[in-house]
Amino acid sequence: MSEIDQGGFVYPHSITEEFDSGITRRDWLAGLAMQGLIASCGENQKYAPAGEIAHASYLYADAMIAEGKKG
């Protein structure tokens, strides 16, 4: 696995109720950030390239995971 902290998994497994599979917390947070970034572009503004939005989304997700570990 990559050196990037994935933050664990978001939803528990339906049988074991353990957080051991599925979407990672990093991907989930990046998806939420992406929605906000796209929504903030508005109809009258120029859209950023998808790669830039994806990159920024993961930067936000990484920052959220790091901040959450501070306590």
C-alpha atoms as a PDB file:
ATOM      1  CA  MET A   1       0.000   0.000   0.000  1.00  0.00           C
ATOM      2  CA  SER A   2       1.074   3.564  -0.569  1.00  0.00           C
ATOM      3  CA  GLU A   3       2.827   5.634   2.096  1.00  0.00           C
ATOM      4  CA  ILE A   4      -0.173   7.984   2.151  1.00  0.00           C
ATOM      5  CA  ASP A   5      -2.341   7.548   5.237  1.00  0.00           C
ATOM      6  CA  GLN A   6      -5.668   6.226   3.953  1.00  0.00           C
ATOM      7  CA  GLY A   7      -7.328   6.854   7.321  1.00  0.00           C
ATOM      8  CA  GLY A   8      -8.870   3.400   7.588  1.00  0.00           C
ATOM      9  CA  PHE A   9     -12.232   2.381   6.162  1.00  0.00           C
ATOM     10  CA  VAL A  10     -15.492   4.312   6.399  1.00  0.00           C
ATOM     11  CA  TYR A  11     -18.257   1.714   6.717  1.00  0.00           C
ATOM     12  CA  PRO A  12     -18.163  -1.527   8.710  1.00  0.00           C
ATOM     13  CA  HIS A  13     -18.426  -4.885   7.000  1.00  0.00           C
ATOM     14  CA  SER A  14     -22.055  -5.979   7.146  1.00  0.00           C
ATOM     15  CA  ILE A  15     -21.340  -9.368   8.747  1.00  0.00           C
ATOM     16  CA  THR A  16     -18.413  -8.751  11.096  1.00  0.00           C
ATOM     17  CA  GLU A  17     -19.197  -5.077  11.777  1.00  0.00           C
ATOM     18  CA  GLU A  18     -15.465  -4.401  11.519  1.00  0.00           C
ATOM     19  CA  PHE A  19     -13.939  -1.547   9.569  1.00  0.00           C
ATOM     20  CA  ASP A  20     -11.745  -3.759   7.407  1.00  0.00           C
ATOM     21  CA  SER A  21     -12.926  -3.293   3.827  1.00  0.00           C
ATOM     22  CA  GLY A  22     -14.710  -0.937   1.473  1.00  0.00           C
ATOM     23  CA  ILE A  23     -14.081   2.703   0.716  1.00  0.00           C
ATOM     24  CA  THR A  24     -11.194   4.305   2.560  1.00  0.00           C
ATOM     25  CA  ARG A  25     -11.702   7.366   4.708  1.00  0.00           C
ATOM     26  CA  ARG A  26      -9.338   9.268   2.378  1.00  0.00           C
ATOM     27  CA  ASP A  27     -11.400   8.454  -0.730  1.00  0.00           C
ATOM     28  CA  TRP A  28     -14.647   9.279   1.087  1.00  0.00           C
ATOM     29  CA  LEU A  29     -13.356  12.652   2.280  1.00  0.00           C
ATOM     30  CA  ALA A  30     -11.920  13.419  -1.166  1.00  0.00           C
ATOM     31  CA  GLY A  31     -15.323  12.694  -2.715  1.00  0.00           C
ATOM     32  CA  LEU A  32     -17.009  15.116  -0.330  1.00  0.00           C
ATOM     33  CA  ALA A  33     -14.385  17.778  -1.035  1.00  0.00           C
ATOM     34  CA  MET A  34     -14.775  17.236  -4.781  1.00  0.00           C
ATOM     35  CA  GLN A  35     -18.521  17.842  -4.560  1.00  0.00           C
ATOM     36  CA  GLY A  36     -17.926  21.128  -2.784  1.00  0.00           C
ATOM     37  CA  LEU A  37     -15.215  22.239  -5.192  1.00  0.00           C
ATOM     38  CA  ILE A  38     -17.349  21.503  -8.240  1.00  0.00           C
ATOM     39  CA  ALA A  39     -20.432  23.114  -6.698  1.00  0.00           C
ATOM     40  CA  SER A  40     -18.461  26.255  -5.856  1.00  0.00           C
ATOM     41  CA  CYS A  41     -17.474  26.738  -9.509  1.00  0.00           C
ATOM     42  CA  GLY A  42     -20.950  28.012 -10.350  1.00  0.00           C
ATOM     43  CA  GLU A  43     -22.540  28.299 -13.771  1.00  0.00           C
ATOM     44  CA  ASN A  44     -20.853  31.576 -14.700  1.00  0.00           C
ATOM     45  CA  GLN A  45     -17.319  30.643 -13.685  1.00  0.00           C
ATOM     46  CA  LYS A  46     -14.725  28.748 -15.672  1.00  0.00           C
ATOM     47  CA  TYR A  47     -14.393  25.115 -14.573  1.00  0.00           C
ATOM     48  CA  ALA A  48     -11.026  23.834 -13.453  1.00  0.00           C
ATOM     49  CA  PRO A  49      -9.621  20.788 -15.239  1.00  0.00           C
ATOM     50  CA  ALA A  50     -10.753  17.528 -13.636  1.00  0.00           C
ATOM     51  CA  GLY A  51      -7.198  16.609 -12.674  1.00  0.00           C
ATOM     52  CA  GLU A  52      -6.798  19.820 -10.694  1.00  0.00           C
ATOM     53  CA  ILE A  53     -10.088  19.267  -8.878  1.00  0.00           C
ATOM     54  CA  ALA A  54      -9.147  15.660  -8.086  1.00  0.00           C
ATOM     55  CA  HIS A  55      -5.720  16.708  -6.801  1.00  0.00           C
ATOM     56  CA  ALA A  56      -7.182  19.468  -4.628  1.00  0.00           C
ATOM     57  CA  SER A  57      -9.822  17.058  -3.299  1.00  0.00           C
ATOM     58  CA  TYR A  58      -7.156  14.675  -2.040  1.00  0.00           C
ATOM     59  CA  LEU A  59      -5.194  17.553  -0.512  1.00  0.00           C
ATOM     60  CA  TYR A  60      -8.280  18.435   1.524  1.00  0.00           C
ATOM     61  CA  ALA A  61      -8.800  14.784   2.483  1.00  0.00           C
ATOM     62  CA  ASP A  62      -5.167  14.416   3.590  1.00  0.00           C
ATOM     63  CA  ALA A  63      -5.444  17.594   5.663  1.00  0.00           C
ATOM     64  CA  MET A  64      -8.617  16.313   7.347  1.00  0.00           C
ATOM     65  CA  ILE A  65      -6.972  12.996   8.238  1.00  0.00           C
ATOM     66  CA  ALA A  66      -3.861  14.724   9.580  1.00  0.00           C
ATOM     67  CA  GLU A  67      -5.898  17.196  11.621  1.00  0.00           C
ATOM     68  CA  GLY A  68      -8.054  14.395  13.022  1.00  0.00           C
ATOM     69  CA  LYS A  69      -4.970  12.576  14.307  1.00  0.00           C
ATOM     70  CA  LYS A  70      -3.929  15.647  16.323  1.00  0.00           C
ATOM     71  CA  GLY A  71      -6.800  14.981  18.701  1.00  0.00           C
END
